[in-house]
């Protein structure tokens, strides 16, 4: 029961952090591919940047927090991320390397966090 509570807390915290940082991820995506977010959207460019950035930030923070505090193996984290990766594959197959790159960066940062917490605890 305690494990499920930890899983719920990690997912909830990553969703909250992703909500507040989605705009930044969307702006970075918009600056990298300026013509991708401008075609056919009825609304502001900020709302489209938020929509695009929410999935990217959720992938990043879910990988970072789940591998740092929840799972010991990368395959368990990838199972948790598989629905998001399927969403990214259907949403933007041309730029699928961006979430993959975010996952690699998050795994690297999570490994550093694990080593930092291990060093401080001993």
N, C-alpha and C. Protein backbone atom coordinates (compact mmCIF):
# COMPACT_ATOMS: atom_id res chain seq x y z
N UNK A 1 0.82 -1.19 0.00
CA UNK A 1 0.00 0.00 0.00
C UNK A 1 0.87 1.26 0.00
N UNK A 2 1.97 1.21 0.71
CA UNK A 2 2.86 2.36 0.78
C UNK A 2 3.48 2.66 -0.58
N UNK A 3 3.77 1.63 -1.36
CA UNK A 3 4.36 1.81 -2.69
C UNK A 3 3.37 2.53 -3.61
N UNK A 4 2.09 2.16 -3.55
CA UNK A 4 1.09 2.82 -4.40
C UNK A 4 0.92 4.28 -4.03
N UNK A 5 1.03 4.59 -2.75
CA UNK A 5 0.94 5.98 -2.31
C UNK A 5 2.13 6.78 -2.84
N UNK A 6 3.32 6.19 -2.83
CA UNK A 6 4.49 6.85 -3.36
C UNK A 6 4.37 7.07 -4.87
N UNK A 7 3.83 6.07 -5.58
CA UNK A 7 3.61 6.22 -7.02
C UNK A 7 2.63 7.35 -7.29
N UNK A 8 1.56 7.40 -6.52
CA UNK A 8 0.56 8.46 -6.69
C UNK A 8 1.16 9.83 -6.42
N UNK A 9 1.96 9.96 -5.38
CA UNK A 9 2.57 11.24 -5.04
C UNK A 9 3.55 11.69 -6.11
N UNK A 10 4.36 10.76 -6.61
CA UNK A 10 5.33 11.12 -7.66
C UNK A 10 4.62 11.56 -8.93
N UNK A 11 3.57 10.87 -9.32
CA UNK A 11 2.83 11.25 -10.52
C UNK A 11 2.14 12.60 -10.31
N UNK A 12 1.56 12.80 -9.14
CA UNK A 12 0.87 14.06 -8.85
C UNK A 12 1.85 15.24 -8.83
N UNK A 13 2.99 15.07 -8.22
CA UNK A 13 3.99 16.13 -8.17
C UNK A 13 4.52 16.44 -9.57
N UNK A 14 4.75 15.40 -10.37
CA UNK A 14 5.24 15.65 -11.73
C UNK A 14 4.18 16.34 -12.59
N UNK A 15 2.91 16.06 -12.39
CA UNK A 15 1.85 16.75 -13.13
C UNK A 15 1.79 18.22 -12.70
N UNK A 16 1.92 18.49 -11.42
CA UNK A 16 1.87 19.87 -10.94
C UNK A 16 3.06 20.67 -11.46
N UNK A 17 4.25 20.11 -11.38
CA UNK A 17 5.44 20.80 -11.89
C UNK A 17 5.33 20.99 -13.40
N UNK A 18 4.80 20.00 -14.10
CA UNK A 18 4.65 20.09 -15.55
C UNK A 18 3.67 21.17 -15.95
N UNK A 19 2.64 21.34 -15.16
CA UNK A 19 1.66 22.39 -15.46
C UNK A 19 2.30 23.78 -15.41
N UNK A 20 3.15 23.99 -14.42
CA UNK A 20 3.76 25.31 -14.26
C UNK A 20 4.94 25.54 -15.20
N UNK A 21 5.55 24.50 -15.73
CA UNK A 21 6.70 24.68 -16.63
C UNK A 21 6.36 24.40 -18.09
N UNK A 22 5.12 24.08 -18.39
CA UNK A 22 4.74 23.74 -19.77
C UNK A 22 4.95 24.90 -20.73
N UNK A 23 4.71 26.10 -20.28
CA UNK A 23 4.90 27.26 -21.14
C UNK A 23 6.35 27.41 -21.58
N UNK A 24 7.28 27.13 -20.67
CA UNK A 24 8.70 27.24 -21.01
C UNK A 24 9.11 26.19 -22.03
N UNK A 25 8.63 24.96 -21.85
CA UNK A 25 8.92 23.92 -22.82
C UNK A 25 8.31 24.24 -24.18
N UNK A 26 7.11 24.82 -24.17
CA UNK A 26 6.45 25.20 -25.41
C UNK A 26 7.17 26.32 -26.13
N UNK A 27 7.69 27.28 -25.38
CA UNK A 27 8.44 28.38 -25.99
C UNK A 27 9.73 27.85 -26.62
N UNK A 28 10.41 26.96 -25.93
CA UNK A 28 11.62 26.37 -26.49
C UNK A 28 11.30 25.59 -27.76
N UNK A 29 10.20 24.85 -27.75
CA UNK A 29 9.79 24.11 -28.94
C UNK A 29 9.44 25.07 -30.07
N UNK A 30 8.75 26.15 -29.75
CA UNK A 30 8.35 27.13 -30.76
C UNK A 30 9.56 27.85 -31.35
N UNK A 31 10.57 28.13 -30.52
CA UNK A 31 11.78 28.78 -31.02
C UNK A 31 12.59 27.81 -31.89
N UNK A 32 12.53 26.53 -31.60
CA UNK A 32 13.28 25.55 -32.38
C UNK A 32 12.61 25.27 -33.72
N UNK A 33 11.30 25.21 -33.74
CA UNK A 33 10.54 24.92 -34.96
C UNK A 33 9.45 25.98 -35.12
N UNK A 34 9.79 27.17 -35.64
CA UNK A 34 8.82 28.28 -35.65
C UNK A 34 7.62 28.06 -36.54
N UNK A 35 7.73 27.30 -37.58
CA UNK A 35 6.58 27.12 -38.48
C UNK A 35 5.64 26.01 -38.03
N UNK A 36 6.02 25.23 -37.05
CA UNK A 36 5.21 24.09 -36.65
C UNK A 36 3.98 24.50 -35.84
N UNK A 37 4.07 25.56 -35.05
CA UNK A 37 2.98 25.92 -34.16
C UNK A 37 2.10 27.05 -34.70
N UNK A 38 2.32 27.48 -35.93
CA UNK A 38 1.59 28.63 -36.44
C UNK A 38 0.48 28.27 -37.42
N UNK A 39 0.34 27.06 -37.81
CA UNK A 39 -0.59 26.74 -38.89
C UNK A 39 -1.93 26.25 -38.36
N UNK A 40 -2.99 26.97 -38.69
CA UNK A 40 -4.34 26.51 -38.45
C UNK A 40 -4.85 26.54 -37.03
N UNK A 41 -4.27 27.30 -36.15
CA UNK A 41 -4.72 27.33 -34.77
C UNK A 41 -5.57 28.57 -34.54
N UNK A 42 -6.77 28.37 -34.00
CA UNK A 42 -7.64 29.50 -33.68
C UNK A 42 -7.49 29.76 -32.19
N UNK A 43 -6.64 30.66 -31.86
CA UNK A 43 -6.36 30.99 -30.47
C UNK A 43 -5.02 31.68 -30.38
N UNK A 44 -4.60 31.93 -29.18
CA UNK A 44 -3.33 32.63 -29.02
C UNK A 44 -2.16 31.67 -29.19
N UNK A 45 -1.02 32.24 -29.49
CA UNK A 45 0.16 31.38 -29.64
C UNK A 45 0.61 30.85 -28.28
N UNK A 46 0.32 31.58 -27.21
CA UNK A 46 0.69 31.12 -25.87
C UNK A 46 -0.07 29.87 -25.46
N UNK A 47 -1.34 29.79 -25.85
CA UNK A 47 -2.11 28.59 -25.51
C UNK A 47 -1.62 27.38 -26.29
N UNK A 48 -1.24 27.58 -27.52
CA UNK A 48 -0.70 26.47 -28.30
C UNK A 48 0.67 26.05 -27.78
N UNK A 49 1.46 27.01 -27.35
CA UNK A 49 2.75 26.66 -26.75
C UNK A 49 2.55 25.88 -25.45
N UNK A 50 1.54 26.23 -24.68
CA UNK A 50 1.25 25.50 -23.44
C UNK A 50 0.82 24.07 -23.75
N UNK A 51 -0.05 23.91 -24.75
CA UNK A 51 -0.53 22.57 -25.10
C UNK A 51 0.62 21.70 -25.59
N UNK A 52 1.50 22.27 -26.39
CA UNK A 52 2.63 21.51 -26.89
C UNK A 52 3.63 21.23 -25.78
N UNK A 53 3.79 22.17 -24.87
CA UNK A 53 4.79 22.02 -23.83
C UNK A 53 4.37 21.11 -22.70
N UNK A 54 3.07 20.90 -22.50
CA UNK A 54 2.62 20.08 -21.37
C UNK A 54 3.08 18.63 -21.50
N UNK A 55 3.01 18.10 -22.70
CA UNK A 55 3.45 16.70 -22.86
C UNK A 55 4.96 16.58 -22.74
N UNK A 56 5.69 17.56 -23.27
CA UNK A 56 7.15 17.50 -23.17
C UNK A 56 7.62 17.66 -21.73
N UNK A 57 7.01 18.58 -20.99
CA UNK A 57 7.41 18.76 -19.60
C UNK A 57 6.99 17.58 -18.73
N UNK A 58 5.84 16.99 -19.05
CA UNK A 58 5.41 15.81 -18.29
C UNK A 58 6.34 14.64 -18.53
N UNK A 59 6.78 14.46 -19.75
CA UNK A 59 7.75 13.40 -20.04
C UNK A 59 9.04 13.63 -19.26
N UNK A 60 9.53 14.86 -19.27
CA UNK A 60 10.78 15.16 -18.58
C UNK A 60 10.68 14.95 -17.08
N UNK A 61 9.68 15.55 -16.46
CA UNK A 61 9.60 15.48 -14.99
C UNK A 61 9.14 14.12 -14.48
N UNK A 62 8.32 13.43 -15.24
CA UNK A 62 7.93 12.08 -14.83
C UNK A 62 9.12 11.14 -14.89
N UNK A 63 9.96 11.29 -15.90
CA UNK A 63 11.17 10.48 -15.97
C UNK A 63 12.12 10.83 -14.83
N UNK A 64 12.32 12.12 -14.62
CA UNK A 64 13.26 12.56 -13.59
C UNK A 64 12.83 12.11 -12.20
N UNK A 65 11.58 12.33 -11.85
CA UNK A 65 11.14 11.99 -10.49
C UNK A 65 10.94 10.50 -10.28
N UNK A 66 10.41 9.81 -11.29
CA UNK A 66 10.16 8.38 -11.09
C UNK A 66 11.46 7.58 -11.03
N UNK A 67 12.44 7.95 -11.85
CA UNK A 67 13.70 7.20 -11.80
C UNK A 67 14.53 7.62 -10.60
N UNK A 68 14.37 8.84 -10.12
CA UNK A 68 15.14 9.27 -8.95
C UNK A 68 14.61 8.67 -7.66
N UNK A 69 13.29 8.67 -7.49
CA UNK A 69 12.73 8.32 -6.19
C UNK A 69 11.88 7.06 -6.17
N UNK A 70 11.47 6.56 -7.32
CA UNK A 70 10.47 5.51 -7.31
C UNK A 70 11.02 4.16 -7.77
N UNK A 71 11.58 4.12 -8.97
CA UNK A 71 12.00 2.85 -9.56
C UNK A 71 13.52 2.74 -9.55
N UNK A 72 13.97 1.49 -9.52
CA UNK A 72 15.40 1.23 -9.57
C UNK A 72 15.88 0.92 -10.97
N UNK A 73 14.97 0.54 -11.87
CA UNK A 73 15.38 0.20 -13.23
C UNK A 73 14.77 1.18 -14.23
N UNK A 74 15.48 1.35 -15.33
CA UNK A 74 15.00 2.25 -16.37
C UNK A 74 13.80 1.67 -17.11
N UNK A 75 13.70 0.35 -17.15
CA UNK A 75 12.58 -0.27 -17.87
C UNK A 75 11.25 0.00 -17.16
N UNK A 76 11.25 0.06 -15.84
CA UNK A 76 10.01 0.39 -15.13
C UNK A 76 9.57 1.81 -15.43
N UNK A 77 10.52 2.72 -15.50
CA UNK A 77 10.21 4.10 -15.85
C UNK A 77 9.69 4.19 -17.28
N UNK A 78 10.25 3.43 -18.17
CA UNK A 78 9.81 3.46 -19.58
C UNK A 78 8.40 2.91 -19.71
N UNK A 79 8.03 1.92 -18.89
CA UNK A 79 6.65 1.43 -18.91
C UNK A 79 5.69 2.52 -18.45
N UNK A 80 6.12 3.31 -17.49
CA UNK A 80 5.30 4.41 -17.03
C UNK A 80 5.16 5.49 -18.10
N UNK A 81 6.19 5.66 -18.91
CA UNK A 81 6.19 6.68 -19.95
C UNK A 81 5.59 6.23 -21.27
N UNK A 82 5.33 4.97 -21.43
CA UNK A 82 4.88 4.46 -22.74
C UNK A 82 3.60 5.12 -23.26
N UNK A 83 2.58 5.42 -22.44
CA UNK A 83 1.43 6.13 -23.01
C UNK A 83 1.78 7.52 -23.53
N UNK A 84 2.67 8.21 -22.84
CA UNK A 84 3.07 9.53 -23.30
C UNK A 84 3.87 9.46 -24.59
N UNK A 85 4.70 8.44 -24.71
CA UNK A 85 5.47 8.28 -25.95
C UNK A 85 4.56 7.91 -27.12
N UNK A 86 3.53 7.12 -26.86
CA UNK A 86 2.56 6.83 -27.92
C UNK A 86 1.82 8.09 -28.33
N UNK A 87 1.47 8.92 -27.37
CA UNK A 87 0.83 10.20 -27.67
C UNK A 87 1.74 11.08 -28.53
N UNK A 88 3.02 11.15 -28.16
CA UNK A 88 3.97 11.94 -28.92
C UNK A 88 4.14 11.39 -30.34
N UNK A 89 4.12 10.08 -30.46
CA UNK A 89 4.27 9.46 -31.78
C UNK A 89 3.10 9.78 -32.70
N UNK A 90 1.91 9.85 -32.16
CA UNK A 90 0.75 10.18 -32.99
C UNK A 90 0.62 11.68 -33.20
N UNK A 91 1.10 12.47 -32.26
CA UNK A 91 0.97 13.92 -32.35
C UNK A 91 2.00 14.54 -33.28
N UNK A 92 3.24 14.11 -33.18
CA UNK A 92 4.31 14.74 -33.94
C UNK A 92 5.41 13.71 -34.21
N UNK A 93 5.22 12.90 -35.23
CA UNK A 93 6.17 11.83 -35.52
C UNK A 93 7.47 12.36 -36.10
N UNK A 94 7.42 13.54 -36.74
CA UNK A 94 8.64 14.09 -37.33
C UNK A 94 9.66 14.51 -36.27
N UNK A 95 9.17 14.89 -35.11
CA UNK A 95 10.06 15.37 -34.07
C UNK A 95 10.03 14.46 -32.84
N UNK A 96 10.00 13.17 -33.07
CA UNK A 96 9.95 12.22 -31.96
C UNK A 96 11.27 12.19 -31.19
N UNK A 97 12.32 12.70 -31.82
CA UNK A 97 13.61 12.71 -31.14
C UNK A 97 13.64 13.70 -29.97
N UNK A 98 12.76 14.68 -29.95
CA UNK A 98 12.75 15.65 -28.86
C UNK A 98 12.35 14.98 -27.54
N UNK A 99 11.23 14.23 -27.45
CA UNK A 99 10.96 13.55 -26.18
C UNK A 99 12.00 12.51 -25.82
N UNK A 100 12.58 11.86 -26.82
CA UNK A 100 13.64 10.88 -26.54
C UNK A 100 14.86 11.57 -25.95
N UNK A 101 15.19 12.73 -26.49
CA UNK A 101 16.30 13.50 -25.94
C UNK A 101 16.00 14.00 -24.53
N UNK A 102 14.76 14.41 -24.27
CA UNK A 102 14.37 14.81 -22.92
C UNK A 102 14.46 13.64 -21.94
N UNK A 103 14.09 12.46 -22.39
CA UNK A 103 14.18 11.26 -21.54
C UNK A 103 15.63 10.96 -21.20
N UNK A 104 16.53 11.07 -22.18
CA UNK A 104 17.95 10.80 -21.94
C UNK A 104 18.52 11.82 -20.96
N UNK A 105 18.17 13.10 -21.14
CA UNK A 105 18.64 14.13 -20.22
C UNK A 105 18.09 13.89 -18.81
N UNK A 106 16.82 13.53 -18.70
CA UNK A 106 16.22 13.28 -17.39
C UNK A 106 16.84 12.06 -16.72
N UNK A 107 17.14 11.01 -17.49
CA UNK A 107 17.82 9.85 -16.90
C UNK A 107 19.20 10.23 -16.37
N UNK A 108 19.91 11.07 -17.11
CA UNK A 108 21.22 11.53 -16.65
C UNK A 108 21.12 12.34 -15.37
N UNK A 109 20.18 13.27 -15.33
CA UNK A 109 20.00 14.07 -14.11
C UNK A 109 19.52 13.22 -12.94
N UNK A 110 18.67 12.24 -13.21
CA UNK A 110 18.19 11.36 -12.14
C UNK A 110 19.33 10.51 -11.59
N UNK A 111 20.23 10.07 -12.45
CA UNK A 111 21.38 9.31 -11.99
C UNK A 111 22.26 10.17 -11.09
N UNK A 112 22.45 11.43 -11.48
CA UNK A 112 23.21 12.34 -10.62
C UNK A 112 22.51 12.58 -9.29
N UNK A 113 21.18 12.71 -9.31
CA UNK A 113 20.44 12.88 -8.06
C UNK A 113 20.56 11.67 -7.15
N UNK A 114 20.50 10.48 -7.76
CA UNK A 114 20.65 9.25 -6.96
C UNK A 114 22.02 9.21 -6.29
N UNK A 115 23.06 9.55 -7.06
CA UNK A 115 24.41 9.53 -6.49
C UNK A 115 24.56 10.60 -5.41
N UNK A 116 23.94 11.76 -5.62
CA UNK A 116 24.02 12.81 -4.62
C UNK A 116 23.32 12.42 -3.32
N UNK A 117 22.12 11.83 -3.42
CA UNK A 117 21.42 11.39 -2.22
C UNK A 117 22.12 10.21 -1.56
N UNK A 118 22.72 9.34 -2.34
CA UNK A 118 23.44 8.21 -1.75
C UNK A 118 24.67 8.69 -1.00
N UNK A 119 25.36 9.67 -1.55
CA UNK A 119 26.55 10.19 -0.90
C UNK A 119 26.19 10.93 0.38
N UNK A 120 25.10 11.67 0.38
CA UNK A 120 24.69 12.42 1.58
C UNK A 120 24.13 11.50 2.67
N UNK A 121 23.57 10.38 2.30
CA UNK A 121 22.98 9.50 3.30
C UNK A 121 24.02 8.64 4.02
N UNK A 122 25.19 8.42 3.38
CA UNK A 122 26.19 7.60 4.03
C UNK A 122 27.23 8.38 4.78
